[in-house]
Amino acid sequence: MTRNFSELRAKMSPERRARNEAAVKTTLAEMSLTKLRNARGLSQKLLAEAMHVQQPAIAKLEKRTDMYISTLRSHIKAMGGDLDVIARFPDGSVVINNFSQL
């Protein structure tokens, strides 16, 4: 017999629900470009069309560990998002605005 997720969740202890919610937040807070694209429901082909490049360029970009901020910004923009560069320090965070005109 299949069960509805809300029924299963209702039977979880509050501690278990809190752990699950924390795990989901962590997973959503950190993600590779490939996983982000997939979570947004986009194929490499669709993203390539939005960026006016060929699909292999998307595959190559998603494998890179180093890239220009402008390249990353256009990739995120094509997925419907905005990119902010934030420096985090123990005493607070600062949005770096040098890149806002890219």
C-alpha atoms as a PDB file:
ATOM      1  CA  MET A   1       0.000   0.000   0.000  1.00  0.00           C
ATOM      2  CA  THR A   2       1.421   3.387  -0.940  1.00  0.00           C
ATOM      3  CA  ARG A   3       1.410   6.190   1.578  1.00  0.00           C
ATOM      4  CA  ASN A   4       1.247   9.909   1.134  1.00  0.00           C
ATOM      5  CA  PHE A   5       4.454  11.714   2.119  1.00  0.00           C
ATOM      6  CA  SER A   6       2.535  14.051   4.419  1.00  0.00           C
ATOM      7  CA  GLU A   7       1.259  11.003   6.347  1.00  0.00           C
ATOM      8  CA  LEU A   8       4.800   9.673   6.749  1.00  0.00           C
ATOM      9  CA  ARG A   9       6.078  13.081   7.755  1.00  0.00           C
ATOM     10  CA  ALA A  10       3.326  13.464  10.361  1.00  0.00           C
ATOM     11  CA  LYS A  11       4.576  10.273  12.039  1.00  0.00           C
ATOM     12  CA  MET A  12       8.163  11.580  12.270  1.00  0.00           C
ATOM     13  CA  SER A  13       9.437  12.929  15.529  1.00  0.00           C
ATOM     14  CA  PRO A  14       9.979  16.712  15.694  1.00  0.00           C
ATOM     15  CA  GLU A  15      13.724  16.049  15.959  1.00  0.00           C
ATOM     16  CA  ARG A  16      13.684  13.934  12.791  1.00  0.00           C
ATOM     17  CA  ARG A  17      11.700  16.606  10.910  1.00  0.00           C
ATOM     18  CA  ALA A  18      14.178  19.268  12.039  1.00  0.00           C
ATOM     19  CA  ARG A  19      17.128  17.132  10.849  1.00  0.00           C
ATOM     20  CA  ASN A  20      15.425  16.572   7.498  1.00  0.00           C
ATOM     21  CA  GLU A  21      14.692  20.276   7.057  1.00  0.00           C
ATOM     22  CA  ALA A  22      18.301  21.145   7.899  1.00  0.00           C
ATOM     23  CA  ALA A  23      19.561  18.581   5.384  1.00  0.00           C
ATOM     24  CA  VAL A  24      17.289  19.990   2.671  1.00  0.00           C
ATOM     25  CA  LYS A  25      18.465  23.545   3.376  1.00  0.00           C
ATOM     26  CA  THR A  26      22.103  22.444   3.190  1.00  0.00           C
ATOM     27  CA  THR A  27      21.505  20.583  -0.056  1.00  0.00           C
ATOM     28  CA  LEU A  28      19.739  23.548  -1.623  1.00  0.00           C
ATOM     29  CA  ALA A  29      22.306  26.039  -0.351  1.00  0.00           C
ATOM     30  CA  GLU A  30      25.236  24.284  -2.025  1.00  0.00           C
ATOM     31  CA  MET A  31      24.925  22.832  -5.488  1.00  0.00           C
ATOM     32  CA  SER A  32      27.037  22.339  -8.582  1.00  0.00           C
ATOM     33  CA  LEU A  33      26.030  24.127 -11.783  1.00  0.00           C
ATOM     34  CA  THR A  34      24.889  20.806 -13.233  1.00  0.00           C
ATOM     35  CA  LYS A  35      22.648  20.057 -10.263  1.00  0.00           C
ATOM     36  CA  LEU A  36      21.354  23.623 -10.254  1.00  0.00           C
ATOM     37  CA  ARG A  37      20.487  23.395 -13.959  1.00  0.00           C
ATOM     38  CA  ASN A  38      18.730  20.063 -13.369  1.00  0.00           C
ATOM     39  CA  ALA A  39      16.855  21.449 -10.355  1.00  0.00           C
ATOM     40  CA  ARG A  40      15.652  24.314 -12.550  1.00  0.00           C
ATOM     41  CA  GLY A  41      14.332  21.723 -15.039  1.00  0.00           C
ATOM     42  CA  LEU A  42      16.667  22.763 -17.849  1.00  0.00           C
ATOM     43  CA  SER A  43      18.591  20.569 -20.261  1.00  0.00           C
ATOM     44  CA  GLN A  44      22.021  21.569 -21.510  1.00  0.00           C
ATOM     45  CA  LYS A  45      20.434  22.133 -24.917  1.00  0.00           C
ATOM     46  CA  LEU A  46      17.785  24.524 -23.589  1.00  0.00           C
ATOM     47  CA  LEU A  47      20.346  26.430 -21.548  1.00  0.00           C
ATOM     48  CA  ALA A  48      22.659  26.638 -24.569  1.00  0.00           C
ATOM     49  CA  GLU A  49      19.823  28.112 -26.634  1.00  0.00           C
ATOM     50  CA  ALA A  50      19.136  30.710 -23.937  1.00  0.00           C
ATOM     51  CA  MET A  51      22.833  31.641 -23.849  1.00  0.00           C
ATOM     52  CA  HIS A  52      23.209  31.580 -27.650  1.00  0.00           C
ATOM     53  CA  VAL A  53      25.974  28.970 -27.531  1.00  0.00           C
ATOM     54  CA  GLN A  54      26.279  25.335 -28.565  1.00  0.00           C
ATOM     55  CA  GLN A  55      25.409  22.527 -26.109  1.00  0.00           C
ATOM     56  CA  PRO A  56      29.045  21.319 -25.793  1.00  0.00           C
ATOM     57  CA  ALA A  57      29.951  24.759 -24.412  1.00  0.00           C
ATOM     58  CA  ILE A  58      27.498  24.189 -21.537  1.00  0.00           C
ATOM     59  CA  ALA A  59      28.945  20.742 -20.823  1.00  0.00           C
ATOM     60  CA  LYS A  60      32.448  22.210 -20.752  1.00  0.00           C
ATOM     61  CA  LEU A  61      31.399  25.126 -18.541  1.00  0.00           C
ATOM     62  CA  GLU A  62      29.724  22.831 -16.011  1.00  0.00           C
ATOM     63  CA  LYS A  63      32.949  20.833 -15.608  1.00  0.00           C
ATOM     64  CA  ARG A  64      35.141  23.892 -14.992  1.00  0.00           C
ATOM     65  CA  THR A  65      36.411  24.701 -11.533  1.00  0.00           C
ATOM     66  CA  ASP A  66      37.591  28.196 -12.492  1.00  0.00           C
ATOM     67  CA  MET A  67      35.818  30.754 -14.668  1.00  0.00           C
ATOM     68  CA  TYR A  68      35.227  34.451 -15.159  1.00  0.00           C
ATOM     69  CA  ILE A  69      32.537  35.998 -12.994  1.00  0.00           C
ATOM     70  CA  SER A  70      30.915  37.380 -16.153  1.00  0.00           C
ATOM     71  CA  THR A  71      30.646  33.844 -17.547  1.00  0.00           C
ATOM     72  CA  LEU A  72      29.096  32.536 -14.343  1.00  0.00           C
ATOM     73  CA  ARG A  73      26.746  35.526 -14.185  1.00  0.00           C
ATOM     74  CA  SER A  74      25.484  34.921 -17.751  1.00  0.00           C
ATOM     75  CA  HIS A  75      25.025  31.212 -16.961  1.00  0.00           C
ATOM     76  CA  ILE A  76      22.952  32.017 -13.872  1.00  0.00           C
ATOM     77  CA  LYS A  77      21.029  34.751 -15.734  1.00  0.00           C
ATOM     78  CA  ALA A  78      20.098  32.248 -18.478  1.00  0.00           C
ATOM     79  CA  MET A  79      18.604  30.022 -15.756  1.00  0.00           C
ATOM     80  CA  GLY A  80      16.478  32.941 -14.570  1.00  0.00           C
ATOM     81  CA  GLY A  81      18.596  33.976 -11.599  1.00  0.00           C
ATOM     82  CA  ASP A  82      20.924  36.734 -10.478  1.00  0.00           C
ATOM     83  CA  LEU A  83      24.461  36.324  -9.197  1.00  0.00           C
ATOM     84  CA  ASP A  84      25.772  38.218  -6.194  1.00  0.00           C
ATOM     85  CA  VAL A  85      29.384  38.063  -5.047  1.00  0.00           C
ATOM     86  CA  ILE A  86      29.469  38.095  -1.262  1.00  0.00           C
ATOM     87  CA  ALA A  87      32.514  38.053   1.012  1.00  0.00           C
ATOM     88  CA  ARG A  88      31.774  36.484   4.400  1.00  0.00           C
ATOM     89  CA  PHE A  89      33.837  37.350   7.448  1.00  0.00           C
ATOM     90  CA  PRO A  90      33.415  36.342  11.086  1.00  0.00           C
ATOM     91  CA  ASP A  91      32.044  39.812  11.872  1.00  0.00           C
ATOM     92  CA  GLY A  92      29.690  40.098   8.878  1.00  0.00           C
ATOM     93  CA  SER A  93      29.198  39.879   5.132  1.00  0.00           C
ATOM     94  CA  VAL A  94      29.868  42.364   2.350  1.00  0.00           C
ATOM     95  CA  VAL A  95      28.409  42.371  -1.160  1.00  0.00           C
ATOM     96  CA  ILE A  96      31.225  43.043  -3.630  1.00  0.00           C
ATOM     97  CA  ASN A  97      29.803  45.458  -6.196  1.00  0.00           C
ATOM     98  CA  ASN A  98      32.771  45.705  -8.615  1.00  0.00           C
ATOM     99  CA  PHE A  99      31.072  43.091 -10.780  1.00  0.00           C
ATOM    100  CA  SER A 100      27.565  44.549 -10.905  1.00  0.00           C
ATOM    101  CA  GLN A 101      28.148  46.179 -14.313  1.00  0.00           C
ATOM    102  CA  LEU A 102      29.339  42.966 -16.013  1.00  0.00           C
END
